[in-house]
Amino acid sequence: MDRFEQTHVFRPLQPTIFVRYIDDTGTTAKSNEDASDQLQHLNKQHKTIKFELELPGDDGYLPILDTKIRINKDGTISRKLYTKSASKLITLHYQSNHPTATKRAIVQNEVQRAIKNSTEDNRAEAPQATARKLQRNQYPAGMISESIRNGGQNSKKRRKSENHSP
């Protein structure tokens, strides 16, 4: 895929932004027409490598993996956590036979991911969506709210860093 991108994406199209994760790619275009032209160009290059075009929704956001992005009129980028509508919101169930430390780490990681995938303008809503997913999998409300309060950080590590700060 790297050779394909060098030959058929970077040299002829010279995109400002181009990202790929396994089989998901994302790039920018000046207009919908420009995006359509890029798509036609790419789909002519190989008989089995085909691309699809997704345009931003009514809210201006475009889903890429577990994030929705929007390029604002001032050129800044807004991000927020994205969950596909087909998602079953499944994670390790709290009643499973795993150590509590593992379950706490899952809560912390989910909260951190929600926060990191969201820019400041969307940060307040991100942990709430994660909380719904965790509650659906029977995680205790107290464990979830503590993690949200701590920004997804381990409370013991957080206390250590606060005690060692100058």
Protein backbone atom coordinates (compact mmCIF):
# COMPACT_ATOMS: atom_id res chain seq x y z
CA MET A 1 0.00 0.00 0.00
CA ASP A 2 2.93 2.34 0.68
CA ARG A 3 4.08 2.05 -2.94
CA PHE A 4 0.53 2.68 -4.19
CA GLU A 5 0.26 5.80 -2.00
CA GLN A 6 3.62 7.19 -3.13
CA THR A 7 2.84 6.64 -6.82
CA HIS A 8 -0.87 7.45 -6.97
CA VAL A 9 -1.61 9.70 -3.97
CA PHE A 10 1.33 11.78 -2.82
CA ARG A 11 3.00 12.60 -6.14
CA PRO A 12 -0.02 13.41 -8.31
CA LEU A 13 -2.51 14.67 -5.72
CA GLN A 14 -0.18 16.26 -3.13
CA PRO A 15 -2.75 16.18 -0.32
CA THR A 16 -2.36 18.57 2.60
CA ILE A 17 -3.44 15.80 4.97
CA PHE A 18 -3.47 12.06 4.28
CA VAL A 19 -3.88 9.45 7.02
CA ARG A 20 -4.19 5.68 6.89
CA TYR A 21 -4.85 3.07 9.53
CA ILE A 22 -4.94 -0.45 8.08
CA ASP A 23 -7.68 -0.08 5.43
CA ASP A 24 -9.16 3.27 6.50
CA THR A 25 -7.80 6.40 4.85
CA GLY A 26 -8.61 10.06 5.21
CA THR A 27 -7.62 13.16 3.29
CA THR A 28 -8.80 16.70 2.70
CA ALA A 29 -10.15 18.29 -0.44
CA LYS A 30 -11.01 21.87 -1.34
CA SER A 31 -14.57 20.98 -2.41
CA ASN A 32 -16.92 18.03 -2.90
CA GLU A 33 -16.12 18.17 -6.62
CA ASP A 34 -12.38 18.00 -5.90
CA ALA A 35 -12.99 15.04 -3.57
CA SER A 36 -14.99 13.28 -6.31
CA ASP A 37 -12.18 13.90 -8.82
CA GLN A 38 -9.61 12.47 -6.39
CA LEU A 39 -11.81 9.41 -5.84
CA GLN A 40 -12.15 8.79 -9.60
CA HIS A 41 -8.37 9.16 -10.03
CA LEU A 42 -7.60 6.69 -7.24
CA ASN A 43 -10.15 4.10 -8.34
CA LYS A 44 -8.66 4.01 -11.86
CA GLN A 45 -5.21 3.07 -10.60
CA HIS A 46 -5.68 -0.58 -9.61
CA LYS A 47 -8.24 -3.21 -10.48
CA THR A 48 -8.71 -4.48 -6.91
CA ILE A 49 -7.89 -1.45 -4.73
CA LYS A 50 -11.04 0.66 -4.52
CA PHE A 51 -11.85 3.65 -2.37
CA GLU A 52 -15.16 5.06 -1.15
CA LEU A 53 -16.04 8.68 -0.53
CA GLU A 54 -17.60 9.84 2.72
CA LEU A 55 -18.56 13.45 3.11
CA PRO A 56 -19.21 15.26 6.39
CA GLY A 57 -22.71 14.90 7.82
CA ASP A 58 -25.20 17.67 8.51
CA ASP A 59 -23.25 18.60 11.65
CA GLY A 60 -20.09 19.15 9.56
CA TYR A 61 -18.26 16.22 11.16
CA LEU A 62 -16.68 13.33 9.25
CA PRO A 63 -16.23 10.00 11.06
CA ILE A 64 -12.75 8.48 10.92
CA LEU A 65 -12.26 5.35 13.04
CA ASP A 66 -13.52 6.25 16.54
CA THR A 67 -13.28 10.00 16.04
CA LYS A 68 -15.38 12.58 14.20
CA ILE A 69 -13.51 15.58 12.84
CA ARG A 70 -14.59 18.93 11.48
CA ILE A 71 -12.49 21.65 9.91
CA ASN A 72 -13.91 24.92 11.21
CA LYS A 73 -14.21 28.07 9.13
CA ASP A 74 -11.18 29.57 10.93
CA GLY A 75 -9.06 26.54 9.91
CA THR A 76 -9.00 24.91 13.35
CA ILE A 77 -10.01 21.29 13.75
CA SER A 78 -12.66 20.05 16.17
CA ARG A 79 -12.75 16.40 17.24
CA LYS A 80 -15.18 14.32 19.20
CA LEU A 81 -15.59 10.69 20.13
CA TYR A 82 -17.51 8.67 17.56
CA THR A 83 -19.36 5.40 17.98
CA LYS A 84 -20.90 3.78 14.93
CA SER A 85 -24.67 3.46 15.06
CA ALA A 86 -24.29 -0.33 14.63
CA SER A 87 -22.08 -0.52 17.73
CA LYS A 88 -23.34 -2.86 20.41
CA LEU A 89 -21.52 -0.83 23.11
CA ILE A 90 -19.88 -4.00 24.39
CA THR A 91 -16.76 -4.11 26.51
CA LEU A 92 -15.55 -6.53 29.17
CA HIS A 93 -18.55 -7.07 31.45
CA TYR A 94 -18.02 -6.05 35.06
CA GLN A 95 -19.28 -9.42 36.33
CA SER A 96 -16.63 -11.29 34.32
CA ASN A 97 -13.97 -13.28 36.14
CA HIS A 98 -11.17 -10.69 35.87
CA PRO A 99 -9.28 -8.79 38.57
CA THR A 100 -10.80 -5.52 39.72
CA ALA A 101 -7.58 -3.77 38.67
CA THR A 102 -8.21 -4.87 35.07
CA LYS A 103 -11.76 -3.56 35.17
CA ARG A 104 -10.61 -0.26 36.69
CA ALA A 105 -7.98 0.03 33.93
CA ILE A 106 -10.69 -0.50 31.31
CA VAL A 107 -12.73 2.35 32.79
CA GLN A 108 -9.68 4.63 32.92
CA ASN A 109 -8.65 3.81 29.35
CA GLU A 110 -12.15 4.35 27.98
CA VAL A 111 -12.40 7.73 29.72
CA GLN A 112 -8.91 8.76 28.55
CA ARG A 113 -9.75 7.77 24.97
CA ALA A 114 -12.94 9.81 25.07
CA ILE A 115 -11.09 12.86 26.39
CA LYS A 116 -8.13 12.55 23.99
CA ASN A 117 -10.41 12.11 20.98
CA SER A 118 -12.27 15.33 21.79
CA THR A 119 -11.21 18.93 21.48
CA GLU A 120 -12.10 21.40 24.22
CA ASP A 121 -15.40 22.38 22.57
CA ASN A 122 -16.62 18.74 22.76
CA ARG A 123 -14.83 17.50 25.88
CA ALA A 124 -17.80 17.72 28.26
CA GLU A 125 -19.99 15.28 26.32
CA ALA A 126 -17.31 12.64 25.60
CA PRO A 127 -17.05 11.04 29.07
CA GLN A 128 -20.85 10.86 29.30
CA ALA A 129 -21.06 8.67 26.19
CA THR A 130 -18.35 6.45 27.65
CA ALA A 131 -20.20 6.30 30.96
CA ARG A 132 -23.33 5.01 29.19
CA LYS A 133 -21.30 2.24 27.55
CA LEU A 134 -19.71 1.23 30.86
CA GLN A 135 -23.03 1.35 32.75
CA ARG A 136 -24.55 -0.88 30.11
CA ASN A 137 -21.81 -3.40 30.97
CA GLN A 138 -22.63 -3.16 34.72
CA TYR A 139 -19.64 -1.06 35.84
CA PRO A 140 -20.36 0.68 39.17
CA ALA A 141 -21.36 4.33 38.85
CA GLY A 142 -18.82 5.29 41.53
CA MET A 143 -15.91 3.75 39.60
CA ILE A 144 -17.01 5.54 36.43
CA SER A 145 -17.56 8.94 38.05
CA GLU A 146 -14.22 8.74 39.90
CA SER A 147 -12.42 8.07 36.63
CA ILE A 148 -14.22 10.95 34.91
CA ARG A 149 -13.32 13.28 37.82
CA ASN A 150 -9.66 12.19 37.51
CA GLY A 151 -9.63 12.64 33.75
CA GLY A 152 -9.14 8.92 33.28
CA GLN A 153 -5.94 8.90 35.32
CA ASN A 154 -5.26 6.31 37.98
CA SER A 155 -6.08 8.08 41.26
CA LYS A 156 -3.02 6.56 43.04
CA LYS A 157 -0.63 7.74 40.29
CA ARG A 158 -2.35 11.10 40.24
CA ARG A 159 -1.87 11.56 44.00
CA LYS A 160 1.83 10.60 43.70
CA SER A 161 2.45 13.17 40.95
CA GLU A 162 0.59 15.86 42.93
CA ASN A 163 2.71 15.12 46.02
CA HIS A 164 5.97 15.36 44.04
CA SER A 165 5.18 18.57 42.20
CA PRO A 166 7.43 21.58 43.06
